[in-house]
Amino acid sequence: MKILLANPRGFCAGVNMAIDVVDETLKRAGPPVYVYHEIVHNKHVVEDFKGRGVFFVNSVDEVPPEAVLVYSAHGVSPQIRAEARSRRLREVDATCPLVTKVHMEVLRFARQGYTIIFIGHEGHDEAVGTLGEAPESIVLVETPEDVEKLHVPDPTRVAYVTQTTLSVYEASRAIDALKKKFPNIKAPPSEDICYATTNRQNAVNEFSADADVVLVVGSKNSSNSLRLVETAKSNGRVAYLIDDASEIDLNWLADVETVLLTAGASAPERLVEGVIARLQDAFGATVESRTLVEEQIHFELPKSVKSLAVVSGR
C-alpha cells in the first residue's frame, strides 16, 4: 500500500493562534479558564485542554463572575460579549482574523442599508456569531433552493458574505443562484472562504485521482473536515472521516493500493502520524508526500491575551 500524504493539511493559522491563545491564557491566568464553545472543532484538542483545567461552556451564565472567558476561533455575537461584560468577565478573544473579517463586512453592509445574505450552515458556531452582528438585516441560506425562496425588502440593495469553512463548490452554486436572482447583488471585497479551507479542498481535488480511498482526519463537527470528505466523494472516491487511527476499519482498505491521507484544519498532526503508523503496521504502507502549495500565513496573539496579568509564581 502507498499513502499519498497531502500537503497542505491539518492546522491552519487561525487554529494555531486559537490553541496558542488558550495555552498562553493558562500560563498567565492559571486554571480554571473558561472557553465559550469548543476552542476549535476537534475532540482531541478539547479533551487535552479539559485535562489542564479548561472548561468549555455553552452559556455565559456558566462562567463565575470575574473569571477568564476565551472566545473560540469561530467568533461570537455582540450579545455574548455584552453578557460577559455584565458578569465582569476577563475576555480573551481567539476569534480567527478571517472570521472577524466577515463580521466587519456584515456590519459595513448593514450600515449601508443592505439586506445581507449569509451563505453557511445553520447552527454552526461561526454562523451563529456572524448572524448576531446584524440580526435584523441578515438572512441565512445553505443551498440554491434556499435562494429561490428568498424575499427581501429591496432587491436592489442586497449583499452576500459566506462562512469561512464552506465547500468552494457548494458556495459557488449558492452565489451563482444569488447573482441570478439579484443581478445587482454586492459581493464582499475579497473571498470569504479561508485560504486553508480552499487549499485543502484543492489538494484533495488534485491528488484524489491517484488514490483508491481518501482518509480525512477530523472530528464529526468540523465543517472544513466534512467538506474534504464531500470533495473526495464528488470526485468519485470512497472517503471516510476519522477522528484518529482507532476509527479505521481495516476492511475498508482490503485490496486497496493507494490511500490519500489528509486532515481538516483543526486536526493535530500527531493524529495523522498515528494513522500512518497503523497503516504501516497493518499493510506495510509506504509514504509519498504530495504538495500543492506551501502555506506561510501566521497570526499574532491578540492583545486581549497579551494584556492578561501574569499570576505571581507562573
C-alpha atoms as a PDB file:
ATOM      1  CA  MET A   1       0.000   0.000   0.000  1.00  0.00           C
ATOM      2  CA  LYS A   2       1.073   3.541  -0.747  1.00  0.00           C
ATOM      3  CA  ILE A   3      -0.048   6.535   1.333  1.00  0.00           C
ATOM      4  CA  LEU A   4      -0.237   9.820  -0.561  1.00  0.00           C
ATOM      5  CA  LEU A   5       0.226  12.395   2.184  1.00  0.00           C
ATOM      6  CA  ALA A   6      -1.490  15.608   1.139  1.00  0.00           C
ATOM      7  CA  ASN A   7       0.077  18.954   1.869  1.00  0.00           C
ATOM      8  CA  PRO A   8      -1.288  21.348   2.990  1.00  0.00           C
ATOM      9  CA  ARG A   9      -3.261  19.543   5.675  1.00  0.00           C
ATOM     10  CA  GLY A  10      -4.075  19.968   9.356  1.00  0.00           C
ATOM     11  CA  PHE A  11      -3.754  23.106  11.453  1.00  0.00           C
ATOM     12  CA  CYS A  12      -4.277  26.464   9.757  1.00  0.00           C
ATOM     13  CA  ALA A  13      -3.023  29.799  11.072  1.00  0.00           C
ATOM     14  CA  GLY A  14      -6.328  30.564  12.816  1.00  0.00           C
ATOM     15  CA  VAL A  15      -6.378  27.234  14.660  1.00  0.00           C
ATOM     16  CA  ASN A  16      -2.722  27.572  15.645  1.00  0.00           C
ATOM     17  CA  MET A  17      -3.452  31.030  17.034  1.00  0.00           C
ATOM     18  CA  ALA A  18      -6.555  29.897  18.938  1.00  0.00           C
ATOM     19  CA  ILE A  19      -4.724  27.000  20.591  1.00  0.00           C
ATOM     20  CA  ASP A  20      -1.797  29.272  21.430  1.00  0.00           C
ATOM     21  CA  VAL A  21      -4.260  31.722  22.995  1.00  0.00           C
ATOM     22  CA  VAL A  22      -5.599  29.094  25.394  1.00  0.00           C
ATOM     23  CA  ASP A  23      -2.071  27.874  26.178  1.00  0.00           C
ATOM     24  CA  GLU A  24      -0.910  31.397  26.943  1.00  0.00           C
ATOM     25  CA  THR A  25      -4.035  32.180  28.968  1.00  0.00           C
ATOM     26  CA  LEU A  26      -3.377  29.117  31.134  1.00  0.00           C
ATOM     27  CA  LYS A  27       0.214  30.266  31.661  1.00  0.00           C
ATOM     28  CA  ARG A  28      -0.752  33.816  32.560  1.00  0.00           C
ATOM     29  CA  ALA A  29      -4.013  33.423  34.485  1.00  0.00           C
ATOM     30  CA  GLY A  30      -3.787  29.804  35.603  1.00  0.00           C
ATOM     31  CA  PRO A  31      -6.728  27.401  35.679  1.00  0.00           C
ATOM     32  CA  PRO A  32      -9.639  27.420  35.623  1.00  0.00           C
ATOM     33  CA  VAL A  33     -10.008  29.022  32.204  1.00  0.00           C
ATOM     34  CA  TYR A  34     -13.401  29.041  30.509  1.00  0.00           C
ATOM     35  CA  VAL A  35     -13.918  28.847  26.739  1.00  0.00           C
ATOM     36  CA  TYR A  36     -17.182  29.754  25.015  1.00  0.00           C
ATOM     37  CA  HIS A  37     -17.933  26.675  22.887  1.00  0.00           C
ATOM     38  CA  GLU A  38     -15.101  24.428  21.690  1.00  0.00           C
ATOM     39  CA  ILE A  39     -11.946  26.420  21.007  1.00  0.00           C
ATOM     40  CA  VAL A  40     -11.686  24.520  17.686  1.00  0.00           C
ATOM     41  CA  HIS A  41     -13.802  21.630  16.443  1.00  0.00           C
ATOM     42  CA  ASN A  42     -11.556  18.721  17.353  1.00  0.00           C
ATOM     43  CA  LYS A  43     -12.302  16.352  20.198  1.00  0.00           C
ATOM     44  CA  HIS A  44      -8.650  15.542  20.921  1.00  0.00           C
ATOM     45  CA  VAL A  45      -7.723  19.209  21.291  1.00  0.00           C
ATOM     46  CA  VAL A  46     -10.731  19.790  23.533  1.00  0.00           C
ATOM     47  CA  GLU A  47     -10.043  16.749  25.738  1.00  0.00           C
ATOM     48  CA  ASP A  48      -6.406  17.769  26.158  1.00  0.00           C
ATOM     49  CA  PHE A  49      -7.409  21.218  27.386  1.00  0.00           C
ATOM     50  CA  LYS A  50     -10.032  19.770  29.736  1.00  0.00           C
ATOM     51  CA  GLY A  51      -7.260  17.809  31.414  1.00  0.00           C
ATOM     52  CA  ARG A  52      -5.384  21.065  32.018  1.00  0.00           C
ATOM     53  CA  GLY A  53      -8.194  22.940  33.733  1.00  0.00           C
ATOM     54  CA  VAL A  54     -10.126  24.374  30.797  1.00  0.00           C
ATOM     55  CA  PHE A  55     -13.934  24.343  30.918  1.00  0.00           C
ATOM     56  CA  PHE A  56     -15.954  24.603  27.712  1.00  0.00           C
ATOM     57  CA  VAL A  57     -19.321  26.295  28.174  1.00  0.00           C
ATOM     58  CA  ASN A  58     -22.361  26.960  26.020  1.00  0.00           C
ATOM     59  CA  SER A  59     -23.669  29.866  28.087  1.00  0.00           C
ATOM     60  CA  VAL A  60     -22.001  32.843  29.700  1.00  0.00           C
ATOM     61  CA  ASP A  61     -24.114  32.098  32.800  1.00  0.00           C
ATOM     62  CA  GLU A  62     -21.935  29.015  33.371  1.00  0.00           C
ATOM     63  CA  VAL A  63     -18.878  31.217  33.989  1.00  0.00           C
ATOM     64  CA  PRO A  64     -18.268  32.570  37.507  1.00  0.00           C
ATOM     65  CA  PRO A  65     -18.154  36.373  37.783  1.00  0.00           C
ATOM     66  CA  GLU A  66     -14.718  37.895  37.130  1.00  0.00           C
ATOM     67  CA  ALA A  67     -13.333  34.638  35.673  1.00  0.00           C
ATOM     68  CA  VAL A  68     -11.422  34.409  32.380  1.00  0.00           C
ATOM     69  CA  LEU A  69     -13.526  33.663  29.296  1.00  0.00           C
ATOM     70  CA  VAL A  70     -11.925  32.864  25.942  1.00  0.00           C
ATOM     71  CA  TYR A  71     -13.957  33.286  22.756  1.00  0.00           C
ATOM     72  CA  SER A  72     -13.396  30.413  20.337  1.00  0.00           C
ATOM     73  CA  ALA A  73     -11.857  30.627  16.873  1.00  0.00           C
ATOM     74  CA  HIS A  74     -15.380  30.672  15.379  1.00  0.00           C
ATOM     75  CA  GLY A  75     -16.279  34.056  16.881  1.00  0.00           C
ATOM     76  CA  VAL A  76     -19.252  35.207  18.947  1.00  0.00           C
ATOM     77  CA  SER A  77     -22.081  37.701  18.611  1.00  0.00           C
ATOM     78  CA  PRO A  78     -22.167  41.136  20.273  1.00  0.00           C
ATOM     79  CA  GLN A  79     -24.828  39.764  22.639  1.00  0.00           C
ATOM     80  CA  ILE A  80     -22.354  37.248  24.089  1.00  0.00           C
ATOM     81  CA  ARG A  81     -19.746  39.963  24.581  1.00  0.00           C
ATOM     82  CA  ALA A  82     -22.324  42.137  26.365  1.00  0.00           C
ATOM     83  CA  GLU A  83     -23.318  39.260  28.649  1.00  0.00           C
ATOM     84  CA  ALA A  84     -19.673  38.652  29.511  1.00  0.00           C
ATOM     85  CA  ARG A  85     -19.120  42.277  30.428  1.00  0.00           C
ATOM     86  CA  SER A  86     -22.224  42.302  32.598  1.00  0.00           C
ATOM     87  CA  ARG A  87     -20.618  39.479  34.620  1.00  0.00           C
ATOM     88  CA  ARG A  88     -17.301  41.381  34.766  1.00  0.00           C
ATOM     89  CA  LEU A  89     -15.507  38.560  32.976  1.00  0.00           C
ATOM     90  CA  ARG A  90     -11.970  38.934  31.708  1.00  0.00           C
ATOM     91  CA  GLU A  91     -12.442  38.481  27.969  1.00  0.00           C
ATOM     92  CA  VAL A  92      -9.812  36.901  25.747  1.00  0.00           C
ATOM     93  CA  ASP A  93     -10.600  36.831  22.035  1.00  0.00           C
ATOM     94  CA  ALA A  94      -9.304  33.880  19.999  1.00  0.00           C
ATOM     95  CA  THR A  95     -11.554  34.596  17.003  1.00  0.00           C
ATOM     96  CA  CYS A  96      -9.805  33.796  13.741  1.00  0.00           C
ATOM     97  CA  PRO A  97      -8.974  37.080  11.961  1.00  0.00           C
ATOM     98  CA  LEU A  98     -10.606  35.707   8.803  1.00  0.00           C
ATOM     99  CA  VAL A  99     -13.875  35.240  10.708  1.00  0.00           C
ATOM    100  CA  THR A 100     -13.539  38.753  12.140  1.00  0.00           C
ATOM    101  CA  LYS A 101     -13.201  39.993   8.554  1.00  0.00           C
ATOM    102  CA  VAL A 102     -16.635  38.532   7.726  1.00  0.00           C
ATOM    103  CA  HIS A 103     -18.145  40.123  10.855  1.00  0.00           C
ATOM    104  CA  MET A 104     -16.790  43.506   9.757  1.00  0.00           C
ATOM    105  CA  GLU A 105     -18.252  43.047   6.276  1.00  0.00           C
ATOM    106  CA  VAL A 106     -21.675  42.307   7.789  1.00  0.00           C
ATOM    107  CA  LEU A 107     -21.536  45.445   9.933  1.00  0.00           C
ATOM    108  CA  ARG A 108     -20.483  47.598   6.983  1.00  0.00           C
ATOM    109  CA  PHE A 109     -23.208  46.244   4.691  1.00  0.00           C
ATOM    110  CA  ALA A 110     -25.808  46.689   7.450  1.00  0.00           C
ATOM    111  CA  ARG A 111     -24.789  50.321   7.985  1.00  0.00           C
ATOM    112  CA  GLN A 112     -25.190  50.896   4.247  1.00  0.00           C
ATOM    113  CA  GLY A 113     -28.747  49.585   4.333  1.00  0.00           C
ATOM    114  CA  TYR A 114     -28.250  46.259   2.559  1.00  0.00           C
ATOM    115  CA  THR A 115     -30.096  43.033   3.230  1.00  0.00           C
ATOM    116  CA  ILE A 116     -27.222  40.615   3.823  1.00  0.00           C
ATOM    117  CA  ILE A 117     -27.395  37.013   2.658  1.00  0.00           C
ATOM    118  CA  PHE A 118     -25.126  34.767   4.719  1.00  0.00           C
ATOM    119  CA  ILE A 119     -24.201  31.539   2.936  1.00  0.00           C
ATOM    120  CA  GLY A 120     -23.457  28.996   5.631  1.00  0.00           C
ATOM    121  CA  HIS A 121     -24.631  26.125   7.800  1.00  0.00           C
ATOM    122  CA  GLU A 122     -27.449  26.832  10.220  1.00  0.00           C
ATOM    123  CA  GLY A 123     -26.443  26.256  13.839  1.00  0.00           C
ATOM    124  CA  HIS A 124     -22.683  26.207  13.199  1.00  0.00           C
ATOM    125  CA  ASP A 125     -20.824  28.297  15.804  1.00  0.00           C
ATOM    126  CA  GLU A 126     -19.404  30.617  13.146  1.00  0.00           C
ATOM    127  CA  ALA A 127     -22.816  31.142  11.577  1.00  0.00           C
ATOM    128  CA  VAL A 128     -24.450  31.931  14.933  1.00  0.00           C
ATOM    129  CA  GLY A 129     -21.821  34.530  15.770  1.00  0.00           C
ATOM    130  CA  THR A 130     -21.932  36.182  12.352  1.00  0.00           C
ATOM    131  CA  LEU A 131     -25.733  36.346  12.215  1.00  0.00           C
ATOM    132  CA  GLY A 132     -25.696  38.015  15.612  1.00  0.00           C
ATOM    133  CA  GLU A 133     -23.825  41.044  14.259  1.00  0.00           C
ATOM    134  CA  ALA A 134     -26.904  42.353  12.424  1.00  0.00           C
ATOM    135  CA  PRO A 135     -29.878  40.094  13.198  1.00  0.00           C
ATOM    136  CA  GLU A 136     -32.425  42.499  11.694  1.00  0.00           C
ATOM    137  CA  SER A 137     -30.580  42.717   8.366  1.00  0.00           C
ATOM    138  CA  ILE A 138     -29.222  39.229   7.685  1.00  0.00           C
ATOM    139  CA  VAL A 139     -30.697  36.015   6.275  1.00  0.00           C
ATOM    140  CA  LEU A 140     -29.042  32.570   6.152  1.00  0.00           C
ATOM    141  CA  VAL A 141     -29.123  30.329   3.091  1.00  0.00           C
ATOM    142  CA  GLU A 142     -27.430  26.980   2.534  1.00  0.00           C
ATOM    143  CA  THR A 143     -28.478  25.931  -0.971  1.00  0.00           C
ATOM    144  CA  PRO A 144     -29.641  27.354  -4.308  1.00  0.00           C
ATOM    145  CA  GLU A 145     -33.109  26.107  -3.328  1.00  0.00           C
ATOM    146  CA  ASP A 146     -33.000  28.375  -0.263  1.00  0.00           C
ATOM    147  CA  VAL A 147     -32.097  31.277  -2.543  1.00  0.00           C
ATOM    148  CA  GLU A 148     -35.183  30.691  -4.687  1.00  0.00           C
ATOM    149  CA  LYS A 149     -37.404  31.124  -1.616  1.00  0.00           C
ATOM    150  CA  LEU A 150     -35.866  34.449  -0.590  1.00  0.00           C
ATOM    151  CA  HIS A 151     -37.937  37.609  -0.285  1.00  0.00           C
ATOM    152  CA  VAL A 152     -36.156  40.842   0.635  1.00  0.00           C
ATOM    153  CA  PRO A 153     -37.429  44.402   1.214  1.00  0.00           C
ATOM    154  CA  ASP A 154     -35.402  45.890  -1.651  1.00  0.00           C
ATOM    155  CA  PRO A 155     -33.969  43.518  -4.292  1.00  0.00           C
ATOM    156  CA  THR A 156     -31.611  46.285  -5.454  1.00  0.00           C
ATOM    157  CA  ARG A 157     -29.934  46.534  -2.021  1.00  0.00           C
ATOM    158  CA  VAL A 158     -28.653  43.024  -1.381  1.00  0.00           C
ATOM    159  CA  ALA A 159     -25.170  41.826  -0.430  1.00  0.00           C
ATOM    160  CA  TYR A 160     -23.724  38.454   0.480  1.00  0.00           C
ATOM    161  CA  VAL A 161     -20.993  37.008   2.696  1.00  0.00           C
ATOM    162  CA  THR A 162     -20.033  33.400   3.357  1.00  0.00           C
ATOM    163  CA  GLN A 163     -18.954  31.133   6.182  1.00  0.00           C
ATOM    164  CA  THR A 164     -15.183  30.676   6.022  1.00  0.00           C
ATOM    165  CA  THR A 165     -15.247  26.844   6.070  1.00  0.00           C
ATOM    166  CA  LEU A 166     -17.624  26.104   3.197  1.00  0.00           C
ATOM    167  CA  SER A 167     -17.094  23.820   0.254  1.00  0.00           C
ATOM    168  CA  VAL A 168     -15.872  26.038  -2.568  1.00  0.00           C
ATOM    169  CA  TYR A 169     -18.161  24.199  -4.971  1.00  0.00           C
ATOM    170  CA  GLU A 170     -21.273  24.469  -2.792  1.00  0.00           C
ATOM    171  CA  ALA A 171     -20.624  28.152  -2.073  1.00  0.00           C
ATOM    172  CA  SER A 172     -20.232  28.894  -5.777  1.00  0.00           C
ATOM    173  CA  ARG A 173     -23.577  27.228  -6.526  1.00  0.00           C
ATOM    174  CA  ALA A 174     -25.331  29.413  -3.945  1.00  0.00           C
ATOM    175  CA  ILE A 175     -23.518  32.540  -5.146  1.00  0.00           C
ATOM    176  CA  ASP A 176     -24.493  31.827  -8.766  1.00  0.00           C
ATOM    177  CA  ALA A 177     -28.118  31.446  -7.689  1.00  0.00           C
ATOM    178  CA  LEU A 178     -27.951  34.740  -5.784  1.00  0.00           C
ATOM    179  CA  LYS A 179     -26.480  36.564  -8.778  1.00  0.00           C
ATOM    180  CA  LYS A 180     -29.223  35.194 -10.993  1.00  0.00           C
ATOM    181  CA  LYS A 181     -31.983  36.251  -8.577  1.00  0.00           C
ATOM    182  CA  PHE A 182     -30.388  39.595  -7.634  1.00  0.00           C
ATOM    183  CA  PRO A 183     -28.311  40.839 -10.607  1.00  0.00           C
ATOM    184  CA  ASN A 184     -27.065  43.857  -8.630  1.00  0.00           C
ATOM    185  CA  ILE A 185     -26.017  41.887  -5.546  1.00  0.00           C
ATOM    186  CA  LYS A 186     -22.887  43.203  -3.873  1.00  0.00           C
ATOM    187  CA  ALA A 187     -20.051  40.785  -3.152  1.00  0.00           C
ATOM    188  CA  PRO A 188     -17.552  41.047  -0.287  1.00  0.00           C
ATOM    189  CA  PRO A 189     -14.355  42.927  -1.219  1.00  0.00           C
ATOM    190  CA  SER A 190     -12.404  39.661  -1.174  1.00  0.00           C
ATOM    191  CA  GLU A 191     -13.111  35.930  -0.888  1.00  0.00           C
ATOM    192  CA  ASP A 192     -14.574  34.911   2.500  1.00  0.00           C
ATOM    193  CA  ILE A 193     -13.807  31.181   2.333  1.00  0.00           C
ATOM    194  CA  CYS A 194     -10.483  30.943   4.109  1.00  0.00           C
ATOM    195  CA  TYR A 195      -7.246  30.149   2.318  1.00  0.00           C
ATOM    196  CA  ALA A 196      -6.748  26.955   4.355  1.00  0.00           C
ATOM    197  CA  THR A 197     -10.184  25.572   3.526  1.00  0.00           C
ATOM    198  CA  THR A 198      -9.618  26.301  -0.161  1.00  0.00           C
ATOM    199  CA  ASN A 199      -6.086  24.869  -0.205  1.00  0.00           C
ATOM    200  CA  ARG A 200      -7.090  21.618   1.499  1.00  0.00           C
ATOM    201  CA  GLN A 201     -10.043  21.122  -0.838  1.00  0.00           C
ATOM    202  CA  ASN A 202      -7.876  21.876  -3.872  1.00  0.00           C
ATOM    203  CA  ALA A 203      -5.274  19.370  -2.677  1.00  0.00           C
ATOM    204  CA  VAL A 204      -7.944  16.657  -2.405  1.00  0.00           C
ATOM    205  CA  ASN A 205      -9.215  17.582  -5.875  1.00  0.00           C
ATOM    206  CA  GLU A 206      -5.709  17.395  -7.283  1.00  0.00           C
ATOM    207  CA  PHE A 207      -4.439  14.232  -5.614  1.00  0.00           C
ATOM    208  CA  SER A 208      -7.520  12.041  -5.186  1.00  0.00           C
ATOM    209  CA  ALA A 209      -7.377  10.982  -8.846  1.00  0.00           C
ATOM    210  CA  ASP A 210      -4.350   8.851  -7.938  1.00  0.00           C
ATOM    211  CA  ALA A 211      -5.971   7.204  -4.893  1.00  0.00           C
ATOM    212  CA  ASP A 212      -8.493   4.430  -4.345  1.00  0.00           C
ATOM    213  CA  VAL A 213      -9.632   5.643  -0.917  1.00  0.00           C
ATOM    214  CA  VAL A 214      -9.391   9.008   0.877  1.00  0.00           C
ATOM    215  CA  LEU A 215      -8.990   9.235   4.659  1.00  0.00           C
ATOM    216  CA  VAL A 216      -9.705  12.604   6.274  1.00  0.00           C
ATOM    217  CA  VAL A 217      -8.569  13.091   9.861  1.00  0.00           C
ATOM    218  CA  GLY A 218     -11.007  15.378  11.670  1.00  0.00           C
ATOM    219  CA  SER A 219     -13.940  15.475  14.061  1.00  0.00           C
ATOM    220  CA  LYS A 220     -17.543  14.993  13.028  1.00  0.00           C
ATOM    221  CA  ASN A 221     -18.475  18.573  13.976  1.00  0.00           C
ATOM    222  CA  SER A 222     -15.642  20.088  11.924  1.00  0.00           C
ATOM    223  CA  SER A 223     -17.197  21.829   8.935  1.00  0.00           C
ATOM    224  CA  ASN A 224     -13.999  22.059   6.922  1.00  0.00           C
ATOM    225  CA  SER A 225     -13.212  18.363   7.536  1.00  0.00           C
ATOM    226  CA  LEU A 226     -16.659  17.333   6.335  1.00  0.00           C
ATOM    227  CA  ARG A 227     -16.123  19.422   3.218  1.00  0.00           C
ATOM    228  CA  LEU A 228     -12.936  17.459   2.456  1.00  0.00           C
ATOM    229  CA  VAL A 229     -14.913  14.214   2.542  1.00  0.00           C
ATOM    230  CA  GLU A 230     -17.534  15.752   0.249  1.00  0.00           C
ATOM    231  CA  THR A 231     -14.819  16.946  -2.126  1.00  0.00           C
ATOM    232  CA  ALA A 232     -13.335  13.450  -2.381  1.00  0.00           C
ATOM    233  CA  LYS A 233     -16.742  11.868  -2.934  1.00  0.00           C
ATOM    234  CA  SER A 234     -17.575  14.419  -5.627  1.00  0.00           C
ATOM    235  CA  ASN A 235     -14.508  13.096  -7.456  1.00  0.00           C
ATOM    236  CA  GLY A 236     -15.883   9.565  -7.311  1.00  0.00           C
ATOM    237  CA  ARG A 237     -13.653   8.381  -4.478  1.00  0.00           C
ATOM    238  CA  VAL A 238     -14.591   6.389  -1.393  1.00  0.00           C
ATOM    239  CA  ALA A 239     -13.852   8.668   1.571  1.00  0.00           C
ATOM    240  CA  TYR A 240     -14.001   8.350   5.357  1.00  0.00           C
ATOM    241  CA  LEU A 241     -13.837  10.918   8.149  1.00  0.00           C
ATOM    242  CA  ILE A 242     -11.954   9.603  11.184  1.00  0.00           C
ATOM    243  CA  ASP A 243     -11.028  11.235  14.480  1.00  0.00           C
ATOM    244  CA  ASP A 244      -7.917   9.079  14.813  1.00  0.00           C
ATOM    245  CA  ALA A 245      -6.346   5.763  13.821  1.00  0.00           C
ATOM    246  CA  SER A 246      -8.597   3.779  16.163  1.00  0.00           C
ATOM    247  CA  GLU A 247     -11.609   4.527  13.941  1.00  0.00           C
ATOM    248  CA  ILE A 248     -10.130   2.891  10.858  1.00  0.00           C
ATOM    249  CA  ASP A 249     -11.914  -0.290   9.823  1.00  0.00           C
ATOM    250  CA  LEU A 250      -9.185  -2.293   8.096  1.00  0.00           C
ATOM    251  CA  ASN A 251     -11.860  -3.903   5.910  1.00  0.00           C
ATOM    252  CA  TRP A 252     -12.214  -0.515   4.203  1.00  0.00           C
ATOM    253  CA  LEU A 253      -8.689  -0.938   2.872  1.00  0.00           C
ATOM    254  CA  ALA A 254      -8.639  -4.585   1.859  1.00  0.00           C
ATOM    255  CA  ASP A 255      -7.030  -4.824  -1.598  1.00  0.00           C
ATOM    256  CA  VAL A 256      -6.553  -1.036  -1.690  1.00  0.00           C
ATOM    257  CA  GLU A 257      -3.311   0.022  -3.369  1.00  0.00           C
ATOM    258  CA  THR A 258      -3.263   3.766  -2.718  1.00  0.00           C
ATOM    259  CA  VAL A 259      -4.728   5.886   0.086  1.00  0.00           C
ATOM    260  CA  LEU A 260      -4.838   9.677   0.060  1.00  0.00           C
ATOM    261  CA  LEU A 261      -4.423  10.934   3.621  1.00  0.00           C
ATOM    262  CA  THR A 262      -5.298  14.471   4.645  1.00  0.00           C
ATOM    263  CA  ALA A 263      -6.579  16.325   7.700  1.00  0.00           C
ATOM    264  CA  GLY A 264      -9.008  19.121   8.441  1.00  0.00           C
ATOM    265  CA  ALA A 265      -7.741  22.491   9.611  1.00  0.00           C
ATOM    266  CA  SER A 266      -8.406  21.698  13.287  1.00  0.00           C
ATOM    267  CA  ALA A 267      -6.770  18.235  13.379  1.00  0.00           C
ATOM    268  CA  PRO A 268      -3.360  17.882  15.111  1.00  0.00           C
ATOM    269  CA  GLU A 269      -0.521  16.391  13.077  1.00  0.00           C
ATOM    270  CA  ARG A 270       0.078  13.703  15.730  1.00  0.00           C
ATOM    271  CA  LEU A 271      -3.257  12.147  14.712  1.00  0.00           C
ATOM    272  CA  VAL A 272      -2.098  11.962  11.099  1.00  0.00           C
ATOM    273  CA  GLU A 273       1.124  10.307  12.277  1.00  0.00           C
ATOM    274  CA  GLY A 274      -0.979   7.773  14.203  1.00  0.00           C
ATOM    275  CA  VAL A 275      -2.893   6.868  11.041  1.00  0.00           C
ATOM    276  CA  ILE A 276       0.347   6.415   9.100  1.00  0.00           C
ATOM    277  CA  ALA A 277       1.727   4.155  11.832  1.00  0.00           C
ATOM    278  CA  ARG A 278      -1.403   1.985  11.811  1.00  0.00           C
ATOM    279  CA  LEU A 279      -1.360   1.575   8.035  1.00  0.00           C
ATOM    280  CA  GLN A 280       2.336   0.748   8.126  1.00  0.00           C
ATOM    281  CA  ASP A 281       1.750  -1.894  10.787  1.00  0.00           C
ATOM    282  CA  ALA A 282      -1.282  -3.399   9.045  1.00  0.00           C
ATOM    283  CA  PHE A 283      -0.241  -3.158   5.385  1.00  0.00           C
ATOM    284  CA  GLY A 284       3.455  -2.260   5.296  1.00  0.00           C
ATOM    285  CA  ALA A 285       2.450   1.072   3.791  1.00  0.00           C
ATOM    286  CA  THR A 286       4.972   3.461   2.285  1.00  0.00           C
ATOM    287  CA  VAL A 287       4.524   7.238   2.315  1.00  0.00           C
ATOM    288  CA  GLU A 288       4.778   9.655  -0.587  1.00  0.00           C
ATOM    289  CA  SER A 289       4.289  13.360   0.175  1.00  0.00           C
ATOM    290  CA  ARG A 290       2.343  15.437  -2.336  1.00  0.00           C
ATOM    291  CA  THR A 291       2.478  19.225  -2.008  1.00  0.00           C
ATOM    292  CA  LEU A 292       0.047  21.548  -3.760  1.00  0.00           C
ATOM    293  CA  VAL A 293       1.138  24.807  -2.119  1.00  0.00           C
ATOM    294  CA  GLU A 294       3.213  25.866   0.869  1.00  0.00           C
ATOM    295  CA  GLU A 295       1.352  27.938   3.476  1.00  0.00           C
ATOM    296  CA  GLN A 296       3.274  30.736   5.183  1.00  0.00           C
ATOM    297  CA  ILE A 297       0.455  32.605   6.955  1.00  0.00           C
ATOM    298  CA  HIS A 298       0.821  33.317  10.670  1.00  0.00           C
ATOM    299  CA  PHE A 299      -1.418  35.261  13.049  1.00  0.00           C
ATOM    300  CA  GLU A 300      -0.006  37.022  16.113  1.00  0.00           C
ATOM    301  CA  LEU A 301      -1.526  36.521  19.543  1.00  0.00           C
ATOM    302  CA  PRO A 302      -4.291  39.091  20.171  1.00  0.00           C
ATOM    303  CA  LYS A 303      -3.832  42.000  22.562  1.00  0.00           C
ATOM    304  CA  SER A 304      -6.519  40.573  24.849  1.00  0.00           C
ATOM    305  CA  VAL A 305      -4.260  37.692  25.882  1.00  0.00           C
ATOM    306  CA  LYS A 306      -1.080  39.744  25.965  1.00  0.00           C
ATOM    307  CA  SER A 307      -2.753  42.158  28.374  1.00  0.00           C
ATOM    308  CA  LEU A 308      -3.556  39.460  30.963  1.00  0.00           C
ATOM    309  CA  ALA A 309      -1.594  39.953  34.126  1.00  0.00           C
ATOM    310  CA  VAL A 310       0.712  37.040  34.920  1.00  0.00           C
ATOM    311  CA  VAL A 311      -0.263  35.268  38.130  1.00  0.00           C
ATOM    312  CA  SER A 312       2.527  35.505  40.691  1.00  0.00           C
ATOM    313  CA  GLY A 313       4.813  32.461  40.564  1.00  0.00           C
ATOM    314  CA  ARG A 314       3.897  31.494  36.990  1.00  0.00           C
END
